[in-house]
C-alpha cells in the first residue's frame, strides 16, 4: 500500500477531520479533551466498541470490588472519583494514539480482505456513531439504577 493511498484512507476513515490528521502527522504526545471529558462515551462515539466494553467492565469490576470489601460510602466515593479521574487523564493522554492504532488496524484488515477497497467503503468503517453514545448512556444508567436498587 503506497503512502498516498494510506493518507487517502486515513482521511476517509476520519471523514476529513483535520484534528486527527494533524495529531497523527506530528506523531508525538497529544492531548484529547473529548476523550478526557467523555471517557468511554468518546470511545463509543469513535466506534471503538471493544475498548468501550473493556473499560466499562473494568469500571464495573472496580466498583464491585470496592463495594464487596465493605468500604464506607465516603471512602468508596472518594476512591471511585480518584480512579475515574486517573482513568480520564490517561485516556486524554493516549486517546489520539489509541484511535490511530485502531484506525490503521481497521484499514489494514479491510485492505487485506479487499485490496481494491474504495475510500467510500473505508469511510463507512470509520466516522462516528450516535447509536454508540446512546448505548453507553443507556447501559450506564441501567447499571447505576440497578446498583442503587440493591
C-alpha atoms as a PDB file:
ATOM      1  CA  UNK A   1       0.000   0.000   0.000  1.00  0.00           C
ATOM      2  CA  UNK A   2       1.581   3.295  -1.026  1.00  0.00           C
ATOM      3  CA  UNK A   3       1.799   6.345   1.218  1.00  0.00           C
ATOM      4  CA  UNK A   4      -0.748   8.422  -0.685  1.00  0.00           C
ATOM      5  CA  UNK A   5      -3.286   5.608  -0.539  1.00  0.00           C
ATOM      6  CA  UNK A   6      -2.783   5.331   3.236  1.00  0.00           C
ATOM      7  CA  UNK A   7      -3.297   9.094   3.618  1.00  0.00           C
ATOM      8  CA  UNK A   8      -6.458   8.895   1.494  1.00  0.00           C
ATOM      9  CA  UNK A   9      -7.764   6.004   3.593  1.00  0.00           C
ATOM     10  CA  UNK A  10      -6.948   7.786   6.866  1.00  0.00           C
ATOM     11  CA  UNK A  11      -8.696  10.917   5.616  1.00  0.00           C
ATOM     12  CA  UNK A  12     -11.730   8.890   4.586  1.00  0.00           C
ATOM     13  CA  UNK A  13     -11.827   6.964   7.866  1.00  0.00           C
ATOM     14  CA  UNK A  14     -11.998  10.141   9.967  1.00  0.00           C
ATOM     15  CA  UNK A  15     -14.221  11.755   7.342  1.00  0.00           C
ATOM     16  CA  UNK A  16     -11.780  14.580   6.724  1.00  0.00           C
ATOM     17  CA  UNK A  17     -11.488  15.567  10.388  1.00  0.00           C
ATOM     18  CA  UNK A  18      -8.311  17.665  10.316  1.00  0.00           C
ATOM     19  CA  UNK A  19      -7.835  17.429  14.096  1.00  0.00           C
ATOM     20  CA  UNK A  20      -6.851  13.755  13.936  1.00  0.00           C
ATOM     21  CA  UNK A  21      -4.905  14.043  10.712  1.00  0.00           C
ATOM     22  CA  UNK A  22      -2.759  16.831  12.211  1.00  0.00           C
ATOM     23  CA  UNK A  23      -2.217  14.987  15.507  1.00  0.00           C
ATOM     24  CA  UNK A  24      -1.247  11.793  13.697  1.00  0.00           C
ATOM     25  CA  UNK A  25       1.110  13.648  11.353  1.00  0.00           C
ATOM     26  CA  UNK A  26       3.050  15.099  14.309  1.00  0.00           C
ATOM     27  CA  UNK A  27       3.428  11.640  15.927  1.00  0.00           C
ATOM     28  CA  UNK A  28       4.168  12.954  19.372  1.00  0.00           C
ATOM     29  CA  UNK A  29       2.340  13.328  22.618  1.00  0.00           C
ATOM     30  CA  UNK A  30      -1.028  14.984  22.207  1.00  0.00           C
ATOM     31  CA  UNK A  31      -3.943  15.667  24.492  1.00  0.00           C
ATOM     32  CA  UNK A  32      -7.546  14.882  23.569  1.00  0.00           C
ATOM     33  CA  UNK A  33     -10.078  16.920  25.565  1.00  0.00           C
ATOM     34  CA  UNK A  34     -13.056  14.976  24.196  1.00  0.00           C
ATOM     35  CA  UNK A  35     -11.666  11.683  25.470  1.00  0.00           C
ATOM     36  CA  UNK A  36     -10.681  13.236  28.805  1.00  0.00           C
ATOM     37  CA  UNK A  37     -14.136  14.708  29.407  1.00  0.00           C
ATOM     38  CA  UNK A  38     -16.326  11.969  27.974  1.00  0.00           C
ATOM     39  CA  UNK A  39     -14.296   8.789  28.606  1.00  0.00           C
ATOM     40  CA  UNK A  40     -15.887   5.625  27.281  1.00  0.00           C
ATOM     41  CA  UNK A  41     -18.606   7.664  25.612  1.00  0.00           C
ATOM     42  CA  UNK A  42     -15.902   9.164  23.375  1.00  0.00           C
ATOM     43  CA  UNK A  43     -14.623   5.663  22.589  1.00  0.00           C
ATOM     44  CA  UNK A  44     -18.123   4.540  21.587  1.00  0.00           C
ATOM     45  CA  UNK A  45     -18.599   7.717  19.538  1.00  0.00           C
ATOM     46  CA  UNK A  46     -15.458   6.823  17.586  1.00  0.00           C
ATOM     47  CA  UNK A  47     -16.745   3.234  17.105  1.00  0.00           C
ATOM     48  CA  UNK A  48     -14.123   1.634  19.339  1.00  0.00           C
ATOM     49  CA  UNK A  49     -16.616  -0.757  20.870  1.00  0.00           C
ATOM     50  CA  UNK A  50     -14.140  -3.341  22.170  1.00  0.00           C
ATOM     51  CA  UNK A  51     -12.233  -0.678  24.139  1.00  0.00           C
ATOM     52  CA  UNK A  52     -15.532   0.754  25.357  1.00  0.00           C
ATOM     53  CA  UNK A  53     -16.653  -2.634  26.621  1.00  0.00           C
ATOM     54  CA  UNK A  54     -13.320  -3.440  28.274  1.00  0.00           C
ATOM     55  CA  UNK A  55     -13.141  -0.159  30.161  1.00  0.00           C
ATOM     56  CA  UNK A  56     -16.815  -0.429  31.144  1.00  0.00           C
ATOM     57  CA  UNK A  57     -16.153  -3.914  32.568  1.00  0.00           C
ATOM     58  CA  UNK A  58     -13.038  -2.707  34.399  1.00  0.00           C
ATOM     59  CA  UNK A  59     -15.015   0.181  35.904  1.00  0.00           C
ATOM     60  CA  UNK A  60     -17.821  -2.154  36.946  1.00  0.00           C
ATOM     61  CA  UNK A  61     -15.380  -4.651  38.462  1.00  0.00           C
ATOM     62  CA  UNK A  62     -13.558  -1.890  40.337  1.00  0.00           C
ATOM     63  CA  UNK A  63     -16.827  -0.552  41.746  1.00  0.00           C
ATOM     64  CA  UNK A  64     -17.971  -4.058  42.671  1.00  0.00           C
ATOM     65  CA  UNK A  65     -14.693  -4.833  44.461  1.00  0.00           C
ATOM     66  CA  UNK A  66     -14.815  -1.594  46.415  1.00  0.00           C
ATOM     67  CA  UNK A  67     -18.369  -2.380  47.463  1.00  0.00           C
ATOM     68  CA  UNK A  68     -17.510  -6.006  48.237  1.00  0.00           C
ATOM     69  CA  UNK A  69     -14.816  -5.026  50.708  1.00  0.00           C
ATOM     70  CA  UNK A  70     -17.402  -3.061  52.644  1.00  0.00           C
ATOM     71  CA  UNK A  71     -15.943   0.400  52.418  1.00  0.00           C
ATOM     72  CA  UNK A  72     -17.855   3.238  53.943  1.00  0.00           C
ATOM     73  CA  UNK A  73     -19.807   5.378  51.490  1.00  0.00           C
ATOM     74  CA  UNK A  74     -17.437   8.327  51.741  1.00  0.00           C
ATOM     75  CA  UNK A  75     -14.276   6.236  51.220  1.00  0.00           C
ATOM     76  CA  UNK A  76     -15.971   4.340  48.407  1.00  0.00           C
ATOM     77  CA  UNK A  77     -16.987   7.542  46.650  1.00  0.00           C
ATOM     78  CA  UNK A  78     -13.552   9.145  47.080  1.00  0.00           C
ATOM     79  CA  UNK A  79     -11.688   6.117  45.700  1.00  0.00           C
ATOM     80  CA  UNK A  80     -14.102   5.839  42.807  1.00  0.00           C
ATOM     81  CA  UNK A  81     -13.640   9.521  41.957  1.00  0.00           C
ATOM     82  CA  UNK A  82      -9.838   9.190  42.092  1.00  0.00           C
ATOM     83  CA  UNK A  83      -9.988   6.082  39.895  1.00  0.00           C
ATOM     84  CA  UNK A  84     -12.179   7.801  37.305  1.00  0.00           C
ATOM     85  CA  UNK A  85     -10.043  10.961  37.310  1.00  0.00           C
ATOM     86  CA  UNK A  86      -6.900   8.885  36.803  1.00  0.00           C
ATOM     87  CA  UNK A  87      -8.629   6.977  34.017  1.00  0.00           C
ATOM     88  CA  UNK A  88      -9.730  10.179  32.274  1.00  0.00           C
ATOM     89  CA  UNK A  89      -6.234  11.678  32.442  1.00  0.00           C
ATOM     90  CA  UNK A  90      -4.705   8.518  30.974  1.00  0.00           C
ATOM     91  CA  UNK A  91      -7.367   8.379  28.268  1.00  0.00           C
ATOM     92  CA  UNK A  92      -6.874  12.078  27.463  1.00  0.00           C
ATOM     93  CA  UNK A  93      -3.136  11.480  27.116  1.00  0.00           C
ATOM     94  CA  UNK A  94      -3.340   8.396  24.907  1.00  0.00           C
ATOM     95  CA  UNK A  95      -6.672   8.705  23.058  1.00  0.00           C
ATOM     96  CA  UNK A  96      -5.187  10.038  19.818  1.00  0.00           C
ATOM     97  CA  UNK A  97      -2.616   7.235  19.748  1.00  0.00           C
ATOM     98  CA  UNK A  98      -5.261   4.601  20.564  1.00  0.00           C
ATOM     99  CA  UNK A  99      -7.502   5.960  17.821  1.00  0.00           C
ATOM    100  CA  UNK A 100      -4.618   5.962  15.335  1.00  0.00           C
ATOM    101  CA  UNK A 101      -3.725   2.333  16.090  1.00  0.00           C
ATOM    102  CA  UNK A 102      -7.411   1.373  15.877  1.00  0.00           C
ATOM    103  CA  UNK A 103      -7.769   3.181  12.539  1.00  0.00           C
ATOM    104  CA  UNK A 104      -4.668   1.625  10.985  1.00  0.00           C
ATOM    105  CA  UNK A 105      -5.751  -1.839  12.118  1.00  0.00           C
ATOM    106  CA  UNK A 106      -9.263  -1.398  10.663  1.00  0.00           C
ATOM    107  CA  UNK A 107      -7.883  -0.108   7.356  1.00  0.00           C
ATOM    108  CA  UNK A 108      -5.291  -2.907   7.088  1.00  0.00           C
ATOM    109  CA  UNK A 109      -7.889  -5.601   7.804  1.00  0.00           C
ATOM    110  CA  UNK A 110     -10.260  -4.132   5.228  1.00  0.00           C
ATOM    111  CA  UNK A 111      -7.439  -3.841   2.675  1.00  0.00           C
ATOM    112  CA  UNK A 112      -6.347  -7.447   3.241  1.00  0.00           C
ATOM    113  CA  UNK A 113      -9.905  -8.635   2.609  1.00  0.00           C
ATOM    114  CA  UNK A 114     -10.300  -6.395  -0.449  1.00  0.00           C
ATOM    115  CA  UNK A 115      -7.159  -4.754  -1.937  1.00  0.00           C
ATOM    116  CA  UNK A 116      -9.311  -2.624  -4.219  1.00  0.00           C
ATOM    117  CA  UNK A 117     -11.430  -1.224  -1.393  1.00  0.00           C
ATOM    118  CA  UNK A 118     -12.702   2.273  -2.112  1.00  0.00           C
ATOM    119  CA  UNK A 119     -12.361   5.325   0.086  1.00  0.00           C
ATOM    120  CA  UNK A 120     -16.176   5.365   0.373  1.00  0.00           C
ATOM    121  CA  UNK A 121     -16.097   1.894   1.925  1.00  0.00           C
ATOM    122  CA  UNK A 122     -13.322   2.988   4.295  1.00  0.00           C
ATOM    123  CA  UNK A 123     -15.436   5.998   5.244  1.00  0.00           C
ATOM    124  CA  UNK A 124     -18.260   3.667   6.289  1.00  0.00           C
ATOM    125  CA  UNK A 125     -15.858   1.747   8.540  1.00  0.00           C
ATOM    126  CA  UNK A 126     -14.834   4.944  10.299  1.00  0.00           C
ATOM    127  CA  UNK A 127     -16.669   8.051  11.269  1.00  0.00           C
ATOM    128  CA  UNK A 128     -18.746   8.375  14.383  1.00  0.00           C
ATOM    129  CA  UNK A 129     -21.699   6.628  15.995  1.00  0.00           C
ATOM    130  CA  UNK A 130     -24.528   8.395  17.790  1.00  0.00           C
ATOM    131  CA  UNK A 131     -26.014   4.958  18.493  1.00  0.00           C
ATOM    132  CA  UNK A 132     -22.801   4.013  20.313  1.00  0.00           C
ATOM    133  CA  UNK A 133     -23.123   7.083  22.529  1.00  0.00           C
ATOM    134  CA  UNK A 134     -26.789   6.370  23.211  1.00  0.00           C
ATOM    135  CA  UNK A 135     -25.983   2.741  24.086  1.00  0.00           C
ATOM    136  CA  UNK A 136     -23.239   3.713  26.553  1.00  0.00           C
ATOM    137  CA  UNK A 137     -25.511   6.236  28.261  1.00  0.00           C
ATOM    138  CA  UNK A 138     -28.398   3.755  28.409  1.00  0.00           C
ATOM    139  CA  UNK A 139     -26.303   0.876  29.762  1.00  0.00           C
ATOM    140  CA  UNK A 140     -24.540   3.131  32.293  1.00  0.00           C
ATOM    141  CA  UNK A 141     -27.838   4.479  33.574  1.00  0.00           C
ATOM    142  CA  UNK A 142     -29.302   0.970  33.838  1.00  0.00           C
ATOM    143  CA  UNK A 143     -26.275  -0.266  35.785  1.00  0.00           C
ATOM    144  CA  UNK A 144     -26.417   2.776  38.082  1.00  0.00           C
ATOM    145  CA  UNK A 145     -30.131   2.259  38.656  1.00  0.00           C
ATOM    146  CA  UNK A 146     -29.613  -1.421  39.472  1.00  0.00           C
ATOM    147  CA  UNK A 147     -26.681  -0.735  41.793  1.00  0.00           C
ATOM    148  CA  UNK A 148     -28.732   1.761  43.812  1.00  0.00           C
ATOM    149  CA  UNK A 149     -31.705  -0.619  43.903  1.00  0.00           C
ATOM    150  CA  UNK A 150     -29.784  -3.219  45.877  1.00  0.00           C
END
